[in-house]
Protein backbone atom coordinates (compact mmCIF):
# COMPACT_ATOMS: atom_id res chain seq x y z
CA MET A 1 180.20 105.86 199.68
CA LEU A 2 180.47 102.08 199.50
CA ILE A 3 177.46 100.26 200.89
CA PRO A 4 178.21 96.53 201.16
CA ASP A 5 175.57 93.86 200.92
CA VAL A 6 175.80 91.15 203.54
CA ASN A 7 176.75 88.46 201.02
CA LEU A 8 180.18 90.00 200.42
CA LEU A 9 180.84 90.40 204.14
CA ILE A 10 179.95 86.77 204.76
CA TYR A 11 182.17 85.61 201.89
CA ALA A 12 185.02 87.74 203.26
CA HIS A 13 184.79 86.07 206.66
CA ASP A 14 183.86 82.48 205.76
CA ALA A 15 186.86 80.58 204.41
CA ASP A 16 184.52 77.83 203.16
CA CYS A 17 182.87 80.15 200.63
CA PRO A 18 184.15 79.71 197.08
CA ALA A 19 184.41 83.51 196.71
CA HIS A 20 186.23 83.94 200.03
CA THR A 21 189.65 84.96 198.71
CA ARG A 22 188.31 87.57 196.29
CA ALA A 23 185.78 88.93 198.78
CA ARG A 24 188.33 89.11 201.58
CA LYS A 25 190.81 90.93 199.36
CA TRP A 26 188.12 93.42 198.30
CA TRP A 27 186.88 93.99 201.86
CA GLU A 28 190.38 94.43 203.29
CA HIS A 29 191.16 96.91 200.50
CA ALA A 30 187.96 98.85 201.23
CA LEU A 31 188.65 98.90 204.96
CA SER A 32 192.23 100.08 204.45
CA GLY A 33 191.16 102.84 202.08
CA VAL A 34 189.69 106.26 202.68
CA GLU A 35 186.44 106.07 200.74
CA PRO A 36 183.52 106.26 203.15
CA ILE A 37 181.79 102.97 203.89
CA GLY A 38 178.24 102.92 205.17
CA ILE A 39 176.98 99.67 206.61
CA PRO A 40 173.21 99.53 207.03
CA TRP A 41 171.93 98.28 210.35
CA VAL A 42 170.02 95.54 208.48
CA VAL A 43 173.35 94.29 207.05
CA VAL A 44 174.87 94.09 210.53
CA LEU A 45 171.85 92.09 211.72
CA ALA A 46 172.07 89.70 208.77
CA PHE A 47 175.84 89.29 209.19
CA VAL A 48 175.51 88.31 212.85
CA ARG A 49 172.48 86.11 212.20
CA LEU A 50 174.02 84.20 209.31
CA THR A 51 177.63 83.90 210.47
CA THR A 52 176.62 82.52 213.87
CA HIS A 53 173.88 80.17 212.64
CA PRO A 54 174.97 76.55 213.18
CA THR A 55 172.98 75.07 210.29
CA ILE A 56 173.94 77.71 207.71
CA SER A 57 177.69 77.77 208.24
CA ARG A 58 179.89 74.70 208.58
CA ASN A 59 182.11 76.69 210.94
CA PRO A 60 179.83 79.26 212.56
CA MET A 61 181.35 82.18 214.39
CA THR A 62 180.68 82.60 218.06
CA CYS A 63 178.74 85.66 219.06
CA ALA A 64 181.99 87.12 220.39
CA GLN A 65 183.77 86.53 217.06
CA SER A 66 180.94 88.10 215.08
CA ARG A 67 180.90 91.05 217.46
CA ALA A 68 184.67 91.50 217.20
CA ALA A 69 184.54 91.50 213.40
CA THR A 70 181.69 94.00 213.35
CA GLU A 71 183.19 96.31 215.95
CA SER A 72 186.52 96.30 214.10
CA TRP A 73 184.81 97.81 211.05
CA PHE A 74 183.23 100.64 213.01
CA ALA A 75 186.49 101.41 214.81
CA LEU A 76 187.74 102.81 211.51
CA PRO A 77 187.14 106.53 210.92
CA HIS A 78 185.66 106.11 207.43
CA VAL A 79 183.12 103.42 208.37
CA ARG A 80 179.72 104.35 209.75
CA LEU A 81 176.52 102.61 210.74
CA LEU A 82 173.54 103.60 208.61
CA SER A 83 170.20 103.67 210.39
CA PRO A 84 166.94 104.20 208.54
CA THR A 85 165.38 107.65 208.52
CA LEU A 86 161.99 108.82 207.29
CA VAL A 87 163.69 109.59 203.97
CA THR A 88 164.96 105.99 203.85
CA LEU A 89 161.42 104.76 204.46
CA THR A 90 160.05 106.77 201.52
CA LEU A 91 162.88 105.64 199.22
CA PHE A 92 162.38 102.04 200.37
CA PHE A 93 158.74 101.99 199.30
CA ASP A 94 159.48 103.91 196.09
CA LEU A 95 162.08 101.29 195.13
CA LEU A 96 159.76 98.40 195.90
CA GLU A 97 156.94 99.95 193.91
CA SER A 98 159.15 100.78 190.93
CA SER A 99 160.58 97.25 190.90
CA GLY A 100 157.13 95.72 190.88
CA GLY A 101 157.85 93.54 193.87
CA ALA A 102 158.29 93.22 197.58
CA GLY A 103 158.61 89.93 199.48
CA ASN A 104 162.19 88.74 199.19
CA LEU A 105 163.28 92.12 197.77
CA THR A 106 162.50 94.02 200.95
CA THR A 107 165.94 93.77 202.55
CA ASP A 108 167.63 94.59 199.24
CA ALA A 109 165.29 97.57 198.83
CA LEU A 110 166.30 98.89 202.24
CA ILE A 111 170.00 98.60 201.42
CA ALA A 112 169.35 100.25 198.04
CA ALA A 113 167.38 103.05 199.74
CA HIS A 114 170.40 103.80 201.92
CA ALA A 115 172.54 103.99 198.78
CA VAL A 116 170.18 106.46 197.13
CA GLU A 117 169.90 108.54 200.29
CA MET A 118 173.67 108.66 200.83
CA GLY A 119 174.62 109.06 197.18
CA GLY A 120 176.53 105.79 197.40
CA ARG A 121 176.76 102.54 195.53
CA VAL A 122 175.76 99.08 196.63
CA CYS A 123 178.57 96.54 196.51
CA THR A 124 177.06 93.10 195.95
CA ASN A 125 177.09 90.05 193.76
CA ASP A 126 173.33 89.61 194.22
CA GLY A 127 171.63 90.08 190.86
CA ASP A 128 168.35 91.11 192.49
CA PHE A 129 169.71 94.64 192.96
CA ALA A 130 169.48 95.11 189.18
CA ARG A 131 165.71 95.41 189.67
CA PHE A 132 166.32 98.84 191.21
CA SER A 133 167.22 100.76 188.07
CA SER A 134 167.90 104.02 189.93
CA VAL A 135 170.53 102.44 192.19
CA LEU A 136 174.21 102.25 191.31
CA CYS A 137 175.45 98.72 191.99
CA VAL A 138 178.86 97.18 191.50
CA ASN A 139 180.04 93.61 191.82
CA PRO A 140 183.58 93.77 193.21
CA LEU A 141 184.03 90.05 192.57
CA ASP A 142 183.83 90.47 188.77
């Protein structure tokens, strides 16, 4: 199961991002494939928050545009929304403790916990995920 980090989804939708073309190509390929994709609820929240924020994006999406993009992903049969469970909670804290940190790693740890729980791999170009040695991470932009 592919578990995308929000950075790649933002790059895929924001034409002003330097990595836009590569991220969009990767995301369109993933969406047109058959491999399961699990998108954590926290990633959906971050996507909407960041793509609609007027001071973060030069061309912010409207709420309706962000909603349409998000709903189009979940309309596909191989894409599912991942919500935290009690197992996720345990894995989350285990990952934070094993990494020796918390703070800014908390969202990454939650995404990584979903990957461990689902037997998936995190797709990201965020180097912080390397701090979770038990989590398989790939950078599709390399």
